[in-house]
Amino acid sequence: MKRQILYLGGEFALTSEDIVGIFDLDNTSWSHITRGFLSGAEQRGKVQNAAEDIPRSFVVCHDETVILTQPSTAALVRRLENQERTNG
């Protein structure tokens, strides 16, 4: 798979190689494990907000940065898939 750029909003964009996972905030934040992970990342100064409104998803990067973003997980994955089809 070729390296692709994923635009997250605002001034935030990542390469596909930087991404560990893309997660839905509503579906994962009910878990105490996820809440603990996000809280720990925030305490370490590793949370960045790319959302102009209420975030719907978050992206975890290899450097342990967590980026909150407004597009849904489905929209973010679709962006990557569309690039893959376009760039072959």
C-alpha atoms as a PDB file:
ATOM      1  CA  MET A   1       0.000   0.000   0.000  1.00  0.00           C
ATOM      2  CA  LYS A   2       1.310   3.431  -0.952  1.00  0.00           C
ATOM      3  CA  ARG A   3       1.635   6.151   1.637  1.00  0.00           C
ATOM      4  CA  GLN A   4      -1.484   8.283   1.710  1.00  0.00           C
ATOM      5  CA  ILE A   5      -2.324  11.578   3.353  1.00  0.00           C
ATOM      6  CA  LEU A   6      -5.392  11.716   5.592  1.00  0.00           C
ATOM      7  CA  TYR A   7      -6.806  15.191   6.202  1.00  0.00           C
ATOM      8  CA  LEU A   8      -8.338  15.394   9.683  1.00  0.00           C
ATOM      9  CA  GLY A   9      -9.497  19.003   9.739  1.00  0.00           C
ATOM     10  CA  GLY A  10      -7.996  22.387  10.497  1.00  0.00           C
ATOM     11  CA  GLU A  11      -4.250  22.209  10.053  1.00  0.00           C
ATOM     12  CA  PHE A  12      -4.054  18.479  10.759  1.00  0.00           C
ATOM     13  CA  ALA A  13      -3.079  15.854   8.216  1.00  0.00           C
ATOM     14  CA  LEU A  14      -1.291  12.543   8.722  1.00  0.00           C
ATOM     15  CA  THR A  15       0.327   9.970   6.506  1.00  0.00           C
ATOM     16  CA  SER A  16      -1.235   6.523   6.595  1.00  0.00           C
ATOM     17  CA  GLU A  17       2.052   5.232   8.060  1.00  0.00           C
ATOM     18  CA  ASP A  18       1.608   7.449  11.147  1.00  0.00           C
ATOM     19  CA  ILE A  19      -1.820   6.039  12.019  1.00  0.00           C
ATOM     20  CA  VAL A  20      -2.275   3.233  14.538  1.00  0.00           C
ATOM     21  CA  GLY A  21      -6.066   3.373  14.527  1.00  0.00           C
ATOM     22  CA  ILE A  22      -9.183   5.423  13.907  1.00  0.00           C
ATOM     23  CA  PHE A  23     -11.869   5.167  16.581  1.00  0.00           C
ATOM     24  CA  ASP A  24     -15.449   6.341  17.032  1.00  0.00           C
ATOM     25  CA  LEU A  25     -15.614   8.502  20.141  1.00  0.00           C
ATOM     26  CA  ASP A  26     -19.236   7.664  21.001  1.00  0.00           C
ATOM     27  CA  ASN A  27     -18.792   3.906  20.676  1.00  0.00           C
ATOM     28  CA  THR A  28     -15.493   3.658  22.528  1.00  0.00           C
ATOM     29  CA  SER A  29     -15.653   6.295  25.266  1.00  0.00           C
ATOM     30  CA  TRP A  30     -18.125   4.285  27.373  1.00  0.00           C
ATOM     31  CA  SER A  31     -15.273   1.902  28.225  1.00  0.00           C
ATOM     32  CA  HIS A  32     -13.222   2.761  31.301  1.00  0.00           C
ATOM     33  CA  ILE A  33     -10.153   1.503  29.435  1.00  0.00           C
ATOM     34  CA  THR A  34     -10.646   3.995  26.605  1.00  0.00           C
ATOM     35  CA  ARG A  35     -11.455   6.807  29.019  1.00  0.00           C
ATOM     36  CA  GLY A  36      -8.275   5.970  30.949  1.00  0.00           C
ATOM     37  CA  PHE A  37      -6.222   5.915  27.760  1.00  0.00           C
ATOM     38  CA  LEU A  38      -7.599   9.286  26.624  1.00  0.00           C
ATOM     39  CA  SER A  39      -7.174  10.797  30.083  1.00  0.00           C
ATOM     40  CA  GLY A  40      -3.570   9.605  30.258  1.00  0.00           C
ATOM     41  CA  ALA A  41      -2.829  11.001  26.800  1.00  0.00           C
ATOM     42  CA  GLU A  42      -4.315  14.332  27.844  1.00  0.00           C
ATOM     43  CA  GLN A  43      -2.235  14.422  31.041  1.00  0.00           C
ATOM     44  CA  ARG A  44       0.920  13.792  28.972  1.00  0.00           C
ATOM     45  CA  GLY A  45      -0.021  16.630  26.603  1.00  0.00           C
ATOM     46  CA  LYS A  46      -0.546  14.213  23.721  1.00  0.00           C
ATOM     47  CA  VAL A  47      -4.124  15.186  22.779  1.00  0.00           C
ATOM     48  CA  GLN A  48      -4.671  17.623  19.930  1.00  0.00           C
ATOM     49  CA  ASN A  49      -8.028  18.881  18.720  1.00  0.00           C
ATOM     50  CA  ALA A  50      -8.647  19.143  14.966  1.00  0.00           C
ATOM     51  CA  ALA A  51     -12.426  19.460  15.418  1.00  0.00           C
ATOM     52  CA  GLU A  52     -14.116  22.820  14.982  1.00  0.00           C
ATOM     53  CA  ASP A  53     -17.180  21.471  16.778  1.00  0.00           C
ATOM     54  CA  ILE A  54     -17.878  18.405  18.920  1.00  0.00           C
ATOM     55  CA  PRO A  55     -15.411  15.646  17.965  1.00  0.00           C
ATOM     56  CA  ARG A  56     -16.888  12.418  16.592  1.00  0.00           C
ATOM     57  CA  SER A  57     -13.762  10.318  16.345  1.00  0.00           C
ATOM     58  CA  PHE A  58     -10.123  10.166  17.359  1.00  0.00           C
ATOM     59  CA  VAL A  59      -6.970   9.008  15.639  1.00  0.00           C
ATOM     60  CA  VAL A  60      -4.117   7.363  17.538  1.00  0.00           C
ATOM     61  CA  CYS A  61      -0.649   7.889  16.073  1.00  0.00           C
ATOM     62  CA  HIS A  62       2.557   5.879  16.468  1.00  0.00           C
ATOM     63  CA  ASP A  63       4.081   8.654  18.597  1.00  0.00           C
ATOM     64  CA  GLU A  64       1.136   8.193  21.027  1.00  0.00           C
ATOM     65  CA  THR A  65      -0.499  11.454  19.941  1.00  0.00           C
ATOM     66  CA  VAL A  66      -4.296  11.397  19.950  1.00  0.00           C
ATOM     67  CA  ILE A  67      -6.046  13.720  17.512  1.00  0.00           C
ATOM     68  CA  LEU A  68      -9.718  14.485  18.065  1.00  0.00           C
ATOM     69  CA  THR A  69     -11.516  15.067  14.775  1.00  0.00           C
ATOM     70  CA  GLN A  70     -14.983  15.955  13.595  1.00  0.00           C
ATOM     71  CA  PRO A  71     -15.432  13.586  10.631  1.00  0.00           C
ATOM     72  CA  SER A  72     -16.826  10.171  11.524  1.00  0.00           C
ATOM     73  CA  THR A  73     -14.640   7.088  11.405  1.00  0.00           C
ATOM     74  CA  ALA A  74     -16.519   5.986   8.278  1.00  0.00           C
ATOM     75  CA  ALA A  75     -15.724   9.294   6.544  1.00  0.00           C
ATOM     76  CA  LEU A  76     -12.040   9.087   7.468  1.00  0.00           C
ATOM     77  CA  VAL A  77     -11.736   5.490   6.262  1.00  0.00           C
ATOM     78  CA  ARG A  78     -13.586   6.411   3.061  1.00  0.00           C
ATOM     79  CA  ARG A  79     -11.064   9.214   2.441  1.00  0.00           C
ATOM     80  CA  LEU A  80      -8.218   6.705   2.682  1.00  0.00           C
ATOM     81  CA  GLU A  81      -9.996   4.192   0.433  1.00  0.00           C
ATOM     82  CA  ASN A  82     -10.741   6.853  -2.182  1.00  0.00           C
ATOM     83  CA  GLN A  83      -7.079   7.868  -2.260  1.00  0.00           C
ATOM     84  CA  GLU A  84      -6.022   4.257  -2.632  1.00  0.00           C
ATOM     85  CA  ARG A  85      -8.367   3.789  -5.603  1.00  0.00           C
ATOM     86  CA  THR A  86      -7.269   7.068  -7.175  1.00  0.00           C
ATOM     87  CA  ASN A  87      -3.549   6.522  -6.668  1.00  0.00           C
ATOM     88  CA  GLY A  88      -3.738   2.832  -7.462  1.00  0.00           C
END
